[in-house]
Amino acid sequence: MNKITRRQALGTTAGALSVIGLAGATAYAAGTDSRAAIPAGTVDEVYLGRHIRITGGGHHGGHHSPDLPTVRIDGGELHVMRNADGSWISVVNHYETFATPISLARAAVRELQGATLVPMGGM
């Protein structure tokens, strides 16, 4: 019968926990880092029949940080904001947060139910 020493057991456990921790941290970062969700260039897709286009670095009339993405649905700009925790909200889903701009845009499409975005006048 092979006897495992306490030191061997602790070493094996620590190694396994390190691997699990690294995998978990990587998965968490991939799911929450919004910059990782927007590839260099543009997101351009059709979702539920609506054209979503996201470009990094939007203008938003100059009153937001220039590193915010510009999110468009069928050509109309969806006003987006980034929360302090890194999550995203939009004028359409103001009380629901999203991990990435694309998940936010898809939720807005579902919420709009075919309606067109109306420009936010004076904002």
Protein backbone atom coordinates (compact mmCIF):
# COMPACT_ATOMS: atom_id res chain seq x y z
CA MET A 1 0.00 0.00 0.00
CA ASN A 2 1.42 3.38 -1.02
CA LYS A 3 1.25 5.89 1.75
CA ILE A 4 0.93 9.54 0.74
CA THR A 5 2.61 11.96 3.08
CA ARG A 6 0.90 15.08 4.29
CA ARG A 7 3.41 17.20 2.38
CA GLN A 8 2.67 15.35 -0.90
CA ALA A 9 -1.07 15.74 -0.39
CA LEU A 10 -0.74 19.46 0.33
CA GLY A 11 1.54 19.93 -2.67
CA THR A 12 -0.88 18.15 -4.98
CA THR A 13 -3.84 20.12 -3.61
CA ALA A 14 -2.02 23.44 -3.95
CA GLY A 15 -1.05 22.61 -7.54
CA ALA A 16 -4.60 21.64 -8.45
CA LEU A 17 -6.00 24.78 -6.85
CA SER A 18 -3.49 26.91 -8.74
CA VAL A 19 -4.60 25.39 -12.06
CA ILE A 20 -8.29 25.79 -11.17
CA GLY A 21 -7.69 29.36 -10.03
CA LEU A 22 -5.86 30.26 -13.23
CA ALA A 23 -8.59 28.71 -15.39
CA GLY A 24 -11.30 30.48 -13.39
CA ALA A 25 -9.53 33.83 -13.53
CA THR A 26 -9.04 33.48 -17.28
CA ALA A 27 -12.72 32.61 -17.80
CA TYR A 28 -13.81 35.50 -15.58
CA ALA A 29 -11.58 37.98 -17.39
CA ALA A 30 -12.81 36.82 -20.79
CA GLY A 31 -16.42 37.19 -19.66
CA THR A 32 -16.06 40.60 -18.04
CA ASP A 33 -13.39 42.51 -19.92
CA SER A 34 -15.41 44.50 -22.40
CA ARG A 35 -12.31 45.47 -24.39
CA ALA A 36 -11.72 41.76 -25.09
CA ALA A 37 -15.29 41.51 -26.38
CA ILE A 38 -14.72 44.12 -29.10
CA PRO A 39 -12.12 42.88 -31.57
CA ALA A 40 -9.80 45.34 -33.22
CA GLY A 41 -11.92 47.09 -35.76
CA THR A 42 -15.63 46.57 -35.86
CA VAL A 43 -18.42 44.25 -34.78
CA ASP A 44 -20.86 44.00 -37.67
CA GLU A 45 -23.71 41.51 -37.44
CA VAL A 46 -27.38 40.96 -38.09
CA TYR A 47 -29.28 39.92 -34.97
CA LEU A 48 -33.00 39.10 -35.13
CA GLY A 49 -33.15 40.89 -38.46
CA ARG A 50 -31.53 44.10 -37.16
CA HIS A 51 -28.11 45.36 -38.21
CA ILE A 52 -25.78 45.91 -35.24
CA ARG A 53 -22.53 47.76 -35.83
CA ILE A 54 -20.07 48.56 -33.04
CA THR A 55 -16.92 50.57 -33.58
CA GLY A 56 -14.39 51.32 -30.87
CA GLY A 57 -14.08 54.95 -29.81
CA GLY A 58 -17.30 56.84 -30.29
CA HIS A 59 -18.01 60.55 -30.31
CA HIS A 60 -21.41 60.84 -28.56
CA GLY A 61 -21.45 64.56 -29.14
CA GLY A 62 -18.24 65.07 -27.20
CA HIS A 63 -19.74 64.64 -23.75
CA HIS A 64 -18.42 61.11 -23.14
CA SER A 65 -14.99 59.59 -23.02
CA PRO A 66 -13.60 59.03 -26.52
CA ASP A 67 -12.83 55.38 -25.68
CA LEU A 68 -16.53 54.44 -25.49
CA PRO A 69 -17.69 52.38 -28.45
CA THR A 70 -20.25 53.69 -30.90
CA VAL A 71 -23.16 51.25 -31.03
CA ARG A 72 -25.57 51.48 -33.96
CA ILE A 73 -28.75 49.53 -34.61
CA ASP A 74 -29.97 49.84 -38.20
CA GLY A 75 -27.85 52.99 -38.48
CA GLY A 76 -29.34 54.73 -35.43
CA GLU A 77 -26.94 55.37 -32.56
CA LEU A 78 -27.69 53.63 -29.27
CA HIS A 79 -26.52 55.79 -26.38
CA VAL A 80 -24.32 53.60 -24.12
CA MET A 81 -22.67 54.24 -20.79
CA ARG A 82 -20.05 52.35 -18.83
CA ASN A 83 -20.54 51.79 -15.10
CA ALA A 84 -17.75 52.00 -12.54
CA ASP A 85 -17.72 48.19 -12.23
CA GLY A 86 -17.04 47.81 -15.97
CA SER A 87 -20.58 46.76 -16.90
CA TRP A 88 -22.58 48.53 -19.61
CA ILE A 89 -26.04 50.14 -19.74
CA SER A 90 -27.94 51.83 -22.54
CA VAL A 91 -30.76 54.29 -22.87
CA VAL A 92 -32.99 51.35 -23.89
CA ASN A 93 -32.01 49.06 -20.98
CA HIS A 94 -31.11 51.65 -18.36
CA TYR A 95 -31.71 49.44 -15.32
CA GLU A 96 -30.13 46.24 -16.63
CA THR A 97 -26.35 45.86 -16.87
CA PHE A 98 -24.42 43.90 -19.47
CA ALA A 99 -20.89 42.51 -19.54
CA THR A 100 -20.13 43.59 -23.11
CA PRO A 101 -21.34 46.16 -25.64
CA ILE A 102 -22.49 43.38 -27.99
CA SER A 103 -24.65 41.75 -25.31
CA LEU A 104 -26.06 45.21 -24.55
CA ALA A 105 -26.83 45.82 -28.24
CA ARG A 106 -28.55 42.45 -28.63
CA ALA A 107 -30.68 43.11 -25.54
CA ALA A 108 -31.65 46.50 -26.96
CA VAL A 109 -32.74 44.83 -30.21
CA ARG A 110 -34.95 42.43 -28.25
CA GLU A 111 -36.38 45.27 -26.16
CA LEU A 112 -37.08 47.49 -29.17
CA GLN A 113 -39.32 44.78 -30.68
CA GLY A 114 -38.95 46.28 -34.16
CA ALA A 115 -39.19 49.95 -33.12
CA THR A 116 -36.60 52.36 -34.48
CA LEU A 117 -34.14 54.21 -32.28
CA VAL A 118 -35.01 57.86 -31.89
CA PRO A 119 -32.10 60.32 -31.62
CA MET A 120 -31.52 61.73 -28.15
CA GLY A 121 -32.07 65.41 -28.94
CA GLY A 122 -30.04 67.92 -26.97
CA MET A 123 -28.06 65.34 -25.02
